Amino acid sequence: MNSQIKFWIMSFCALLILNSCMEDKEYEILTSEAILPEVKGDYNYSEDTLFQEVVELSEFKERLKLQFPELSFDIENSLKDRKTLFMPDRLGFKDKEEAYFVKDSIPFHFIEWTFIDSVKTTSAFYNWLDCFGPDCRSIRINEEKNASKEGFLIWVTDNKISYLASTQRISVYEGEKIVFDNSKKVWYYIVQQAPRRKIKWVFSSVQKED
């Protein structure tokens, strides 16, 4: 009998001790918000907040687009695939404007080089004539010969060489409407060629020899 009493007394004491230990411990209940990392951000995907790339047009392209609203700069242009040498690229120009565009379903390629003075400009033009086009053909001033598969126009002023090429023949009037504003120009040379035809010197500051 005494042993049973001792057993119950010891069990009761052990239970009290265990209960006391459990009360001393603190248990924190974690929520899913506490377990998962906090991600901060604005997830408002409205049209105004989406990234939109804005392509800024040059002054030349802006003027061209205003003059010919149907003209496009961003569609396929067959002239981009051709390989040819533009000698003025290697001759120390001060500035350069270049554009590929399509007008009335006809592809065009425009380049304009600006030089510091007339000496640099005419020197660059003469060097270009010494090695013109993909075949590096030599062309003399006022010489009428085939220089390119495509049609083109070249204008030379005191500080600029402007070049406009196309798969079609470009009239001087049409070319000047595309390339230039209404300000008057003093030409040194105007050179024209229809596709696969001979060069025509529309204007030359050097008189043609008889």
N, C-alpha and C. Protein backbone atom coordinates (compact mmCIF):
# COMPACT_ATOMS: atom_id res chain seq x y z
N MET A 1 0.82 -1.20 0.00
CA MET A 1 0.00 0.00 0.00
C MET A 1 0.86 1.25 0.00
N ASN A 2 1.87 1.21 0.86
CA ASN A 2 2.79 2.34 0.92
C ASN A 2 3.49 2.58 -0.41
N SER A 3 3.81 1.51 -1.13
CA SER A 3 4.49 1.64 -2.43
C SER A 3 3.58 2.30 -3.46
N GLN A 4 2.29 2.01 -3.41
CA GLN A 4 1.37 2.62 -4.36
C GLN A 4 1.22 4.12 -4.10
N ILE A 5 1.18 4.44 -2.80
CA ILE A 5 1.08 5.88 -2.45
C ILE A 5 2.30 6.63 -2.92
N LYS A 6 3.48 6.02 -2.69
CA LYS A 6 4.72 6.65 -3.13
C LYS A 6 4.72 6.83 -4.66
N PHE A 7 4.21 5.84 -5.42
CA PHE A 7 4.18 5.90 -6.89
C PHE A 7 3.31 7.07 -7.35
N TRP A 8 2.12 7.21 -6.77
CA TRP A 8 1.23 8.29 -7.16
C TRP A 8 1.78 9.67 -6.78
N ILE A 9 2.42 9.72 -5.62
CA ILE A 9 3.03 11.00 -5.20
C ILE A 9 4.13 11.41 -6.17
N MET A 10 4.99 10.43 -6.54
CA MET A 10 6.11 10.72 -7.45
C MET A 10 5.58 11.09 -8.85
N SER A 11 4.53 10.40 -9.29
CA SER A 11 3.94 10.71 -10.61
C SER A 11 3.36 12.10 -10.61
N PHE A 12 2.67 12.47 -9.49
CA PHE A 12 2.07 13.80 -9.41
C PHE A 12 3.15 14.90 -9.43
N CYS A 13 4.25 14.65 -8.73
CA CYS A 13 5.36 15.62 -8.70
C CYS A 13 6.01 15.77 -10.07
N ALA A 14 6.18 14.64 -10.76
CA ALA A 14 6.78 14.68 -12.09
C ALA A 14 5.91 15.47 -13.07
N LEU A 15 4.57 15.28 -12.91
CA LEU A 15 3.63 16.00 -13.77
C LEU A 15 3.69 17.48 -13.53
N LEU A 16 3.80 17.87 -12.24
CA LEU A 16 3.92 19.30 -11.92
C LEU A 16 5.19 19.90 -12.50
N ILE A 17 6.30 19.15 -12.41
CA ILE A 17 7.59 19.66 -12.93
C ILE A 17 7.52 19.81 -14.45
N LEU A 18 6.94 18.83 -15.14
CA LEU A 18 6.82 18.87 -16.61
C LEU A 18 5.95 20.03 -17.06
N ASN A 19 4.84 20.23 -16.33
CA ASN A 19 3.93 21.32 -16.68
C ASN A 19 4.59 22.68 -16.49
N SER A 20 5.42 22.77 -15.44
CA SER A 20 6.13 24.02 -15.17
C SER A 20 7.13 24.33 -16.28
N CYS A 21 7.83 23.31 -16.78
CA CYS A 21 8.81 23.52 -17.86
C CYS A 21 8.13 23.97 -19.14
N MET A 22 6.98 23.37 -19.43
CA MET A 22 6.26 23.72 -20.64
C MET A 22 5.75 25.15 -20.59
N GLU A 23 5.34 25.61 -19.41
CA GLU A 23 4.85 26.99 -19.28
C GLU A 23 5.96 28.01 -19.45
N ASP A 24 7.24 27.60 -19.14
CA ASP A 24 8.36 28.55 -19.27
C ASP A 24 8.72 28.81 -20.73
N LYS A 25 8.35 27.92 -21.66
CA LYS A 25 8.72 28.08 -23.07
C LYS A 25 7.64 28.88 -23.80
N GLU A 26 8.10 29.74 -24.70
CA GLU A 26 7.17 30.52 -25.51
C GLU A 26 7.17 29.98 -26.92
N TYR A 27 6.00 29.78 -27.46
CA TYR A 27 5.87 29.26 -28.80
C TYR A 27 5.27 30.35 -29.69
N GLU A 28 5.98 30.66 -30.83
CA GLU A 28 5.52 31.67 -31.77
C GLU A 28 4.89 30.98 -32.97
N ILE A 29 3.66 31.35 -33.26
CA ILE A 29 2.97 30.77 -34.41
C ILE A 29 3.27 31.65 -35.63
N LEU A 30 3.93 31.06 -36.67
CA LEU A 30 4.33 31.80 -37.87
C LEU A 30 3.24 31.71 -38.93
N THR A 31 2.96 32.84 -39.53
CA THR A 31 2.00 32.87 -40.63
C THR A 31 2.75 32.73 -41.95
N SER A 32 2.00 32.51 -43.03
CA SER A 32 2.63 32.38 -44.36
C SER A 32 3.30 33.68 -44.78
N GLU A 33 2.75 34.82 -44.30
CA GLU A 33 3.37 36.11 -44.63
C GLU A 33 4.73 36.25 -44.01
N ALA A 34 4.90 35.66 -42.80
CA ALA A 34 6.19 35.76 -42.12
C ALA A 34 7.22 34.83 -42.73
N ILE A 35 6.75 33.66 -43.24
CA ILE A 35 7.69 32.68 -43.80
C ILE A 35 8.17 33.11 -45.18
N LEU A 36 7.24 33.56 -46.02
CA LEU A 36 7.61 33.95 -47.38
C LEU A 36 8.29 35.30 -47.35
N PRO A 37 9.32 35.51 -48.23
CA PRO A 37 10.01 36.81 -48.28
C PRO A 37 9.07 37.90 -48.76
N GLU A 38 9.23 39.06 -48.18
CA GLU A 38 8.37 40.19 -48.53
C GLU A 38 8.82 40.77 -49.87
N VAL A 39 7.92 40.90 -50.79
CA VAL A 39 8.24 41.45 -52.10
C VAL A 39 7.47 42.74 -52.26
N LYS A 40 8.23 43.81 -52.41
CA LYS A 40 7.59 45.11 -52.55
C LYS A 40 7.62 45.52 -54.02
N GLY A 41 6.59 46.12 -54.50
CA GLY A 41 6.57 46.58 -55.88
C GLY A 41 5.18 47.03 -56.28
N ASP A 42 5.16 47.82 -57.36
CA ASP A 42 3.88 48.29 -57.88
C ASP A 42 3.52 47.43 -59.07
N TYR A 43 2.46 46.67 -58.92
CA TYR A 43 2.07 45.75 -59.98
C TYR A 43 0.89 46.26 -60.78
N ASN A 44 0.83 47.57 -60.91
CA ASN A 44 -0.22 48.16 -61.71
C ASN A 44 0.22 48.18 -63.17
N TYR A 45 -0.28 47.25 -63.98
CA TYR A 45 0.16 47.12 -65.35
C TYR A 45 -0.74 47.89 -66.31
N SER A 46 -1.07 49.08 -65.91
CA SER A 46 -1.90 49.90 -66.79
C SER A 46 -1.08 50.32 -68.00
N GLU A 47 -1.74 50.76 -69.03
CA GLU A 47 -1.06 51.10 -70.29
C GLU A 47 -0.07 52.23 -70.10
N ASP A 48 -0.37 53.14 -69.17
CA ASP A 48 0.50 54.29 -68.96
C ASP A 48 1.82 53.89 -68.34
N THR A 49 1.84 52.79 -67.55
CA THR A 49 3.06 52.44 -66.83
C THR A 49 3.90 51.43 -67.58
N LEU A 50 3.39 50.85 -68.66
CA LEU A 50 4.18 49.90 -69.43
C LEU A 50 5.30 50.63 -70.17
N PHE A 51 6.46 49.96 -70.29
CA PHE A 51 7.60 50.56 -70.98
C PHE A 51 7.32 50.68 -72.47
N GLN A 52 7.53 51.85 -72.99
CA GLN A 52 7.36 52.06 -74.41
C GLN A 52 8.61 52.75 -74.95
N GLU A 53 9.21 52.13 -75.97
CA GLU A 53 10.41 52.69 -76.56
C GLU A 53 10.04 53.84 -77.49
N VAL A 54 10.66 54.99 -77.28
CA VAL A 54 10.40 56.15 -78.11
C VAL A 54 11.63 56.41 -78.97
N VAL A 55 11.45 56.34 -80.28
CA VAL A 55 12.55 56.58 -81.20
C VAL A 55 12.49 58.03 -81.65
N GLU A 56 13.52 58.78 -81.35
CA GLU A 56 13.55 60.19 -81.70
C GLU A 56 14.12 60.36 -83.10
N LEU A 57 13.37 61.02 -83.98
CA LEU A 57 13.81 61.22 -85.35
C LEU A 57 14.73 62.43 -85.43
N SER A 58 15.68 62.36 -86.38
CA SER A 58 16.57 63.49 -86.62
C SER A 58 15.78 64.62 -87.28
N GLU A 59 16.39 65.78 -87.36
CA GLU A 59 15.72 66.93 -87.97
C GLU A 59 15.38 66.64 -89.43
N PHE A 60 16.29 65.98 -90.14
CA PHE A 60 16.04 65.62 -91.53
C PHE A 60 14.84 64.69 -91.65
N LYS A 61 14.79 63.65 -90.83
CA LYS A 61 13.69 62.68 -90.88
C LYS A 61 12.36 63.31 -90.48
N GLU A 62 12.40 64.22 -89.51
CA GLU A 62 11.19 64.92 -89.10
C GLU A 62 10.64 65.73 -90.27
N ARG A 63 11.51 66.46 -90.94
CA ARG A 63 11.07 67.28 -92.08
C ARG A 63 10.53 66.41 -93.21
N LEU A 64 11.22 65.28 -93.46
CA LEU A 64 10.79 64.37 -94.51
C LEU A 64 9.42 63.77 -94.20
N LYS A 65 9.22 63.41 -92.94
CA LYS A 65 7.95 62.81 -92.52
C LYS A 65 6.81 63.81 -92.61
N LEU A 66 7.08 65.08 -92.28
CA LEU A 66 6.05 66.10 -92.38
C LEU A 66 5.68 66.37 -93.84
N GLN A 67 6.69 66.33 -94.70
CA GLN A 67 6.47 66.61 -96.11
C GLN A 67 5.78 65.44 -96.83
N PHE A 68 6.16 64.21 -96.43
CA PHE A 68 5.59 63.01 -97.05
C PHE A 68 5.08 62.08 -95.95
N PRO A 69 3.87 62.28 -95.43
CA PRO A 69 3.36 61.50 -94.30
C PRO A 69 3.29 60.00 -94.57
N GLU A 70 3.17 59.60 -95.85
CA GLU A 70 3.06 58.18 -96.17
C GLU A 70 4.42 57.47 -96.16
N LEU A 71 5.48 58.25 -96.10
CA LEU A 71 6.84 57.70 -96.12
C LEU A 71 7.12 56.89 -94.86
N SER A 72 7.90 55.81 -95.00
CA SER A 72 8.20 54.95 -93.86
C SER A 72 9.69 54.68 -93.75
N PHE A 73 10.20 54.72 -92.50
CA PHE A 73 11.61 54.44 -92.24
C PHE A 73 11.84 53.02 -91.73
N ASP A 74 10.79 52.36 -91.27
CA ASP A 74 10.98 51.13 -90.50
C ASP A 74 10.52 49.86 -91.20
N ILE A 75 10.32 49.91 -92.51
CA ILE A 75 9.96 48.68 -93.21
C ILE A 75 11.14 48.21 -94.06
N GLU A 76 11.00 47.01 -94.62
CA GLU A 76 12.10 46.39 -95.34
C GLU A 76 12.55 47.25 -96.52
N ASN A 77 13.86 47.38 -96.68
CA ASN A 77 14.42 48.20 -97.75
C ASN A 77 15.52 47.40 -98.44
N SER A 78 15.34 47.08 -99.71
CA SER A 78 16.28 46.23 -100.44
C SER A 78 17.66 46.86 -100.56
N LEU A 79 17.76 48.17 -100.47
CA LEU A 79 19.06 48.84 -100.61
C LEU A 79 19.97 48.59 -99.41
N LYS A 80 19.40 48.15 -98.30
CA LYS A 80 20.22 47.85 -97.12
C LYS A 80 21.12 46.64 -97.33
N ASP A 81 20.71 45.74 -98.23
CA ASP A 81 21.44 44.49 -98.42
C ASP A 81 22.63 44.62 -99.38
N ARG A 82 22.69 45.71 -100.11
CA ARG A 82 23.77 45.83 -101.09
C ARG A 82 25.08 46.21 -100.41
N LYS A 83 26.17 45.79 -101.02
CA LYS A 83 27.49 46.12 -100.49
C LYS A 83 28.18 47.07 -101.46
N THR A 84 28.50 48.24 -100.95
CA THR A 84 29.17 49.24 -101.78
C THR A 84 30.08 50.10 -100.91
N LEU A 85 31.00 50.77 -101.54
CA LEU A 85 31.96 51.60 -100.82
C LEU A 85 31.58 53.06 -100.96
N PHE A 86 31.49 53.74 -99.82
CA PHE A 86 31.26 55.18 -99.81
C PHE A 86 32.53 55.84 -99.30
N MET A 87 33.36 56.28 -100.23
CA MET A 87 34.67 56.83 -99.89
C MET A 87 34.62 58.01 -98.91
N PRO A 88 33.62 58.92 -98.99
CA PRO A 88 33.58 60.02 -98.02
C PRO A 88 33.54 59.57 -96.57
N ASP A 89 33.09 58.33 -96.31
CA ASP A 89 33.09 57.81 -94.95
C ASP A 89 34.49 57.76 -94.36
N ARG A 90 35.50 57.70 -95.21
CA ARG A 90 36.88 57.54 -94.75
C ARG A 90 37.69 58.83 -94.81
N LEU A 91 37.01 59.94 -95.10
CA LEU A 91 37.76 61.16 -95.43
C LEU A 91 37.51 62.32 -94.47
N GLY A 92 37.37 62.03 -93.21
CA GLY A 92 37.35 63.07 -92.18
C GLY A 92 36.20 64.04 -92.25
N PHE A 93 34.99 63.55 -92.39
CA PHE A 93 33.83 64.43 -92.40
C PHE A 93 33.57 64.96 -90.98
N LYS A 94 32.88 66.08 -90.92
CA LYS A 94 32.54 66.70 -89.64
C LYS A 94 31.25 66.12 -89.07
N ASP A 95 30.30 65.84 -89.94
CA ASP A 95 29.00 65.29 -89.52
C ASP A 95 28.44 64.44 -90.64
N LYS A 96 27.51 63.54 -90.28
CA LYS A 96 26.92 62.64 -91.28
C LYS A 96 25.47 62.35 -90.91
N GLU A 97 24.61 62.41 -91.91
CA GLU A 97 23.20 62.02 -91.79
C GLU A 97 22.95 60.88 -92.76
N GLU A 98 22.25 59.84 -92.29
CA GLU A 98 21.96 58.69 -93.16
C GLU A 98 20.56 58.17 -92.86
N ALA A 99 19.85 57.78 -93.91
CA ALA A 99 18.49 57.27 -93.73
C ALA A 99 18.11 56.34 -94.88
N TYR A 100 17.48 55.23 -94.51
CA TYR A 100 16.83 54.35 -95.47
C TYR A 100 15.33 54.56 -95.32
N PHE A 101 14.63 54.74 -96.42
CA PHE A 101 13.19 54.92 -96.33
C PHE A 101 12.51 54.43 -97.60
N VAL A 102 11.20 54.26 -97.49
CA VAL A 102 10.40 53.81 -98.62
C VAL A 102 9.32 54.85 -98.88
N LYS A 103 9.24 55.30 -100.13
CA LYS A 103 8.25 56.30 -100.53
C LYS A 103 7.55 55.79 -101.78
N ASP A 104 6.23 55.73 -101.73
CA ASP A 104 5.44 55.23 -102.85
C ASP A 104 5.91 53.84 -103.29
N SER A 105 6.22 53.00 -102.30
CA SER A 105 6.68 51.62 -102.51
C SER A 105 8.06 51.53 -103.17
N ILE A 106 8.78 52.64 -103.24
CA ILE A 106 10.11 52.65 -103.84
C ILE A 106 11.15 52.87 -102.74
N PRO A 107 12.18 52.00 -102.65
CA PRO A 107 13.20 52.17 -101.61
C PRO A 107 14.20 53.28 -101.96
N PHE A 108 14.63 54.01 -100.94
CA PHE A 108 15.62 55.08 -101.10
C PHE A 108 16.70 54.92 -100.03
N HIS A 109 17.87 55.42 -100.37
CA HIS A 109 18.98 55.49 -99.41
C HIS A 109 19.58 56.88 -99.52
N PHE A 110 19.60 57.58 -98.39
CA PHE A 110 20.13 58.95 -98.37
C PHE A 110 21.33 59.03 -97.44
N ILE A 111 22.38 59.70 -97.90
CA ILE A 111 23.53 60.02 -97.04
C ILE A 111 23.94 61.47 -97.32
N GLU A 112 24.30 62.18 -96.26
CA GLU A 112 24.84 63.53 -96.42
C GLU A 112 26.02 63.70 -95.49
N TRP A 113 27.16 64.06 -96.07
CA TRP A 113 28.38 64.31 -95.30
C TRP A 113 28.62 65.81 -95.22
N THR A 114 28.96 66.30 -94.06
CA THR A 114 29.29 67.72 -93.87
C THR A 114 30.77 67.84 -93.54
N PHE A 115 31.45 68.76 -94.22
CA PHE A 115 32.89 68.96 -94.02
C PHE A 115 33.14 70.38 -93.49
N ILE A 116 34.33 70.60 -93.01
CA ILE A 116 34.62 71.89 -92.36
C ILE A 116 34.74 73.04 -93.35
N ASP A 117 35.11 72.75 -94.61
CA ASP A 117 35.23 73.81 -95.60
C ASP A 117 35.13 73.23 -97.01
N SER A 118 35.18 74.13 -98.00
CA SER A 118 35.03 73.71 -99.40
C SER A 118 36.20 72.87 -99.89
N VAL A 119 37.38 73.12 -99.35
CA VAL A 119 38.57 72.35 -99.77
C VAL A 119 38.40 70.88 -99.39
N LYS A 120 37.98 70.64 -98.15
CA LYS A 120 37.75 69.27 -97.68
C LYS A 120 36.62 68.61 -98.48
N THR A 121 35.59 69.39 -98.79
CA THR A 121 34.44 68.85 -99.51
C THR A 121 34.82 68.40 -100.91
N THR A 122 35.45 69.28 -101.67
CA THR A 122 35.82 68.93 -103.05
C THR A 122 36.87 67.83 -103.08
N SER A 123 37.78 67.83 -102.10
CA SER A 123 38.78 66.76 -102.02
C SER A 123 38.12 65.41 -101.79
N ALA A 124 37.13 65.38 -100.90
CA ALA A 124 36.40 64.13 -100.63
C ALA A 124 35.65 63.67 -101.88
N PHE A 125 35.06 64.61 -102.59
CA PHE A 125 34.32 64.26 -103.81
C PHE A 125 35.25 63.69 -104.88
N TYR A 126 36.40 64.32 -105.09
CA TYR A 126 37.35 63.83 -106.09
C TYR A 126 37.88 62.45 -105.71
N ASN A 127 38.15 62.25 -104.44
CA ASN A 127 38.61 60.93 -103.99
C ASN A 127 37.53 59.86 -104.20
N TRP A 128 36.28 60.25 -104.01
CA TRP A 128 35.18 59.32 -104.24
C TRP A 128 35.10 58.94 -105.72
N LEU A 129 35.30 59.93 -106.59
CA LEU A 129 35.27 59.64 -108.03
C LEU A 129 36.42 58.70 -108.43
N ASP A 130 37.53 58.74 -107.73
CA ASP A 130 38.66 57.85 -108.02
C ASP A 130 38.34 56.40 -107.68
N CYS A 131 37.38 56.20 -106.74
CA CYS A 131 37.02 54.83 -106.34
C CYS A 131 35.53 54.83 -106.00
N PHE A 132 34.72 54.69 -107.06
CA PHE A 132 33.28 54.84 -106.89
C PHE A 132 32.58 53.49 -106.96
N GLY A 133 31.69 53.24 -106.00
CA GLY A 133 30.86 52.04 -106.04
C GLY A 133 31.57 50.77 -105.61
N PRO A 134 30.86 49.64 -105.67
CA PRO A 134 31.42 48.37 -105.19
C PRO A 134 32.60 47.89 -106.01
N ASP A 135 32.69 48.34 -107.28
CA ASP A 135 33.80 47.93 -108.14
C ASP A 135 34.96 48.91 -108.12
N CYS A 136 34.85 49.95 -107.32
CA CYS A 136 35.89 50.98 -107.21
C CYS A 136 36.27 51.53 -108.59
N ARG A 137 35.25 51.96 -109.31
CA ARG A 137 35.48 52.48 -110.66
C ARG A 137 35.98 53.92 -110.60
N SER A 138 36.88 54.24 -111.50
CA SER A 138 37.41 55.59 -111.59
C SER A 138 36.57 56.39 -112.58
N ILE A 139 36.15 57.58 -112.14
CA ILE A 139 35.32 58.44 -112.98
C ILE A 139 35.97 59.82 -113.06
N ARG A 140 36.14 60.32 -114.27
CA ARG A 140 36.68 61.66 -114.43
C ARG A 140 35.55 62.69 -114.42
N ILE A 141 35.86 63.91 -114.05
CA ILE A 141 34.87 64.98 -114.07
C ILE A 141 34.27 65.09 -115.48
N ASN A 142 32.96 65.14 -115.55
CA ASN A 142 32.20 65.26 -116.79
C ASN A 142 32.25 64.01 -117.68
N GLU A 143 32.81 62.94 -117.19
CA GLU A 143 32.83 61.70 -117.96
C GLU A 143 31.47 61.01 -117.85
N GLU A 144 30.96 60.56 -118.96
CA GLU A 144 29.66 59.88 -118.99
C GLU A 144 29.90 58.37 -119.10
N LYS A 145 29.74 57.68 -118.00
CA LYS A 145 29.93 56.24 -117.96
C LYS A 145 29.04 55.64 -116.88
N ASN A 146 28.82 54.34 -116.97
CA ASN A 146 28.03 53.67 -115.96
C ASN A 146 28.85 53.53 -114.68
N ALA A 147 28.25 53.88 -113.55
CA ALA A 147 28.97 53.83 -112.28
C ALA A 147 28.27 52.98 -111.23
N SER A 148 27.01 52.60 -111.48
CA SER A 148 26.26 51.89 -110.46
C SER A 148 25.07 51.15 -111.07
N LYS A 149 24.64 50.08 -110.41
CA LYS A 149 23.45 49.34 -110.87
C LYS A 149 22.17 50.11 -110.57
N GLU A 150 22.20 50.92 -109.50
CA GLU A 150 21.00 51.65 -109.10
C GLU A 150 21.04 53.07 -109.61
N GLY A 151 19.92 53.74 -109.50
CA GLY A 151 19.88 55.15 -109.84
C GLY A 151 20.32 55.99 -108.66
N PHE A 152 20.93 57.13 -108.95
CA PHE A 152 21.36 58.00 -107.85
C PHE A 152 21.48 59.44 -108.31
N LEU A 153 21.54 60.31 -107.33
CA LEU A 153 21.84 61.73 -107.52
C LEU A 153 22.87 62.12 -106.48
N ILE A 154 23.83 62.96 -106.88
CA ILE A 154 24.82 63.51 -105.95
C ILE A 154 24.83 65.03 -106.11
N TRP A 155 24.75 65.72 -104.99
CA TRP A 155 24.88 67.18 -104.98
C TRP A 155 26.11 67.55 -104.16
N VAL A 156 26.90 68.48 -104.68
CA VAL A 156 28.09 68.95 -103.95
C VAL A 156 27.97 70.45 -103.78
N THR A 157 28.01 70.90 -102.52
CA THR A 157 28.02 72.33 -102.21
C THR A 157 29.37 72.67 -101.59
N ASP A 158 29.47 73.87 -101.00
CA ASP A 158 30.76 74.27 -100.44
C ASP A 158 31.18 73.43 -99.24
N ASN A 159 30.22 72.88 -98.49
CA ASN A 159 30.61 72.08 -97.32
C ASN A 159 29.85 70.76 -97.16
N LYS A 160 29.09 70.37 -98.20
CA LYS A 160 28.31 69.13 -98.09
C LYS A 160 28.33 68.32 -99.38
N ILE A 161 28.29 67.00 -99.20
CA ILE A 161 28.05 66.08 -100.30
C ILE A 161 26.78 65.32 -99.95
N SER A 162 25.76 65.45 -100.77
CA SER A 162 24.48 64.78 -100.52
C SER A 162 24.26 63.71 -101.59
N TYR A 163 23.84 62.53 -101.15
CA TYR A 163 23.70 61.38 -102.05
C TYR A 163 22.33 60.75 -101.82
N LEU A 164 21.60 60.52 -102.91
CA LEU A 164 20.29 59.88 -102.83
C LEU A 164 20.25 58.78 -103.88
N ALA A 165 20.04 57.54 -103.44
CA ALA A 165 19.99 56.39 -104.36
C ALA A 165 18.61 55.75 -104.30
N SER A 166 18.26 55.06 -105.40
CA SER A 166 16.99 54.36 -105.46
C SER A 166 17.07 53.25 -106.51
N THR A 167 16.11 52.34 -106.47
CA THR A 167 16.03 51.31 -107.50
C THR A 167 15.42 51.86 -108.78
N GLN A 168 14.86 53.07 -108.70
CA GLN A 168 14.24 53.72 -109.86
C GLN A 168 15.01 55.00 -110.21
N ARG A 169 14.76 55.51 -111.39
CA ARG A 169 15.37 56.78 -111.78
C ARG A 169 14.79 57.90 -110.92
N ILE A 170 15.65 58.78 -110.47
CA ILE A 170 15.21 59.92 -109.65
C ILE A 170 15.44 61.20 -110.45
N SER A 171 14.39 61.95 -110.69
CA SER A 171 14.57 63.23 -111.37
C SER A 171 15.24 64.21 -110.40
N VAL A 172 15.93 65.18 -110.95
CA VAL A 172 16.61 66.18 -110.12
C VAL A 172 15.58 66.95 -109.29
N TYR A 173 14.46 67.27 -109.91
CA TYR A 173 13.41 68.01 -109.20
C TYR A 173 12.88 67.20 -108.02
N GLU A 174 12.56 65.92 -108.27
CA GLU A 174 12.04 65.07 -107.20
C GLU A 174 13.10 64.89 -106.10
N GLY A 175 14.33 64.66 -106.50
CA GLY A 175 15.40 64.46 -105.52
C GLY A 175 15.61 65.66 -104.63
N GLU A 176 15.56 66.85 -105.22
CA GLU A 176 15.77 68.06 -104.43
C GLU A 176 14.59 68.33 -103.50
N LYS A 177 13.39 67.92 -103.90
CA LYS A 177 12.23 68.04 -103.01
C LYS A 177 12.40 67.14 -101.78
N ILE A 178 12.97 65.97 -102.00
CA ILE A 178 13.16 65.02 -100.90
C ILE A 178 14.29 65.45 -99.98
N VAL A 179 15.41 65.85 -100.56
CA VAL A 179 16.63 66.05 -99.79
C VAL A 179 16.73 67.43 -99.15
N PHE A 180 16.30 68.47 -99.86
CA PHE A 180 16.58 69.83 -99.40
C PHE A 180 15.32 70.58 -98.97
N ASP A 181 15.56 71.57 -98.12
CA ASP A 181 14.47 72.49 -97.77
C ASP A 181 14.38 73.56 -98.86
N ASN A 182 13.67 74.62 -98.59
CA ASN A 182 13.45 75.64 -99.63
C ASN A 182 14.58 76.66 -99.75
N SER A 183 15.59 76.54 -98.90
CA SER A 183 16.69 77.51 -98.96
C SER A 183 17.51 77.31 -100.23
N LYS A 184 18.02 78.39 -100.76
CA LYS A 184 18.78 78.33 -102.01
C LYS A 184 20.16 77.73 -101.76
N LYS A 185 20.61 76.96 -102.74
CA LYS A 185 21.91 76.32 -102.63
C LYS A 185 22.81 76.79 -103.77
N VAL A 186 24.10 76.84 -103.49
CA VAL A 186 25.09 77.12 -104.53
C VAL A 186 25.78 75.80 -104.83
N TRP A 187 25.52 75.27 -106.04
CA TRP A 187 26.05 73.95 -106.37
C TRP A 187 27.45 74.03 -106.97
N TYR A 188 28.27 73.07 -106.60
CA TYR A 188 29.54 72.86 -107.28
C TYR A 188 29.35 71.81 -108.36
N TYR A 189 28.62 70.74 -107.99
CA TYR A 189 28.33 69.66 -108.94
C TYR A 189 26.94 69.08 -108.64
N ILE A 190 26.28 68.64 -109.70
CA ILE A 190 25.08 67.81 -109.58
C ILE A 190 25.26 66.65 -110.56
N VAL A 191 25.26 65.43 -110.03
CA VAL A 191 25.51 64.24 -110.85
C VAL A 191 24.29 63.33 -110.77
N GLN A 192 23.84 62.84 -111.93
CA GLN A 192 22.65 61.99 -111.98
C GLN A 192 22.93 60.74 -112.80
N GLN A 193 22.37 59.61 -112.33
CA GLN A 193 22.42 58.39 -113.14
C GLN A 193 21.16 57.58 -112.94
N ALA A 194 20.56 57.12 -114.02
CA ALA A 194 19.45 56.17 -113.96
C ALA A 194 20.04 54.78 -113.76
N PRO A 195 19.25 53.82 -113.25
CA PRO A 195 19.77 52.47 -113.02
C PRO A 195 20.42 51.87 -114.28
N ARG A 196 21.67 51.43 -114.13
CA ARG A 196 22.43 50.76 -115.19
C ARG A 196 22.63 51.62 -116.44
N ARG A 197 22.51 52.93 -116.29
CA ARG A 197 22.73 53.84 -117.43
C ARG A 197 24.03 54.62 -117.19
N LYS A 198 24.27 55.62 -118.00
CA LYS A 198 25.49 56.40 -117.88
C LYS A 198 25.24 57.65 -117.02
N ILE A 199 26.31 58.07 -116.36
CA ILE A 199 26.25 59.29 -115.54
C ILE A 199 25.93 60.50 -116.42
N LYS A 200 25.13 61.38 -115.87
CA LYS A 200 24.81 62.64 -116.53
C LYS A 200 25.24 63.78 -115.59
N TRP A 201 26.09 64.65 -116.07
CA TRP A 201 26.55 65.77 -115.25
C TRP A 201 25.56 66.93 -115.46
N VAL A 202 24.61 67.01 -114.55
CA VAL A 202 23.58 68.04 -114.66
C VAL A 202 24.18 69.42 -114.49
N PHE A 203 25.11 69.53 -113.56
CA PHE A 203 25.84 70.78 -113.37
C PHE A 203 27.26 70.45 -112.93
N SER A 204 28.21 71.18 -113.50
CA SER A 204 29.61 70.98 -113.13
C SER A 204 30.31 72.32 -113.10
N SER A 205 31.05 72.57 -112.02
CA SER A 205 31.80 73.82 -111.91
C SER A 205 33.03 73.81 -112.82
N VAL A 206 33.35 72.64 -113.35
CA VAL A 206 34.47 72.52 -114.29
C VAL A 206 33.88 72.36 -115.67
N GLN A 207 34.28 73.21 -116.60
CA GLN A 207 33.75 73.16 -117.94
C GLN A 207 34.17 71.88 -118.64
N LYS A 208 33.24 71.31 -119.41
CA LYS A 208 33.53 70.08 -120.14
C LYS A 208 34.44 70.38 -121.34
N GLU A 209 35.46 69.54 -121.48
CA GLU A 209 36.39 69.73 -122.59
C GLU A 209 35.75 69.27 -123.90
N ASP A 210 36.05 69.97 -124.97
CA ASP A 210 35.52 69.61 -126.30
C ASP A 210 36.26 68.39 -126.84
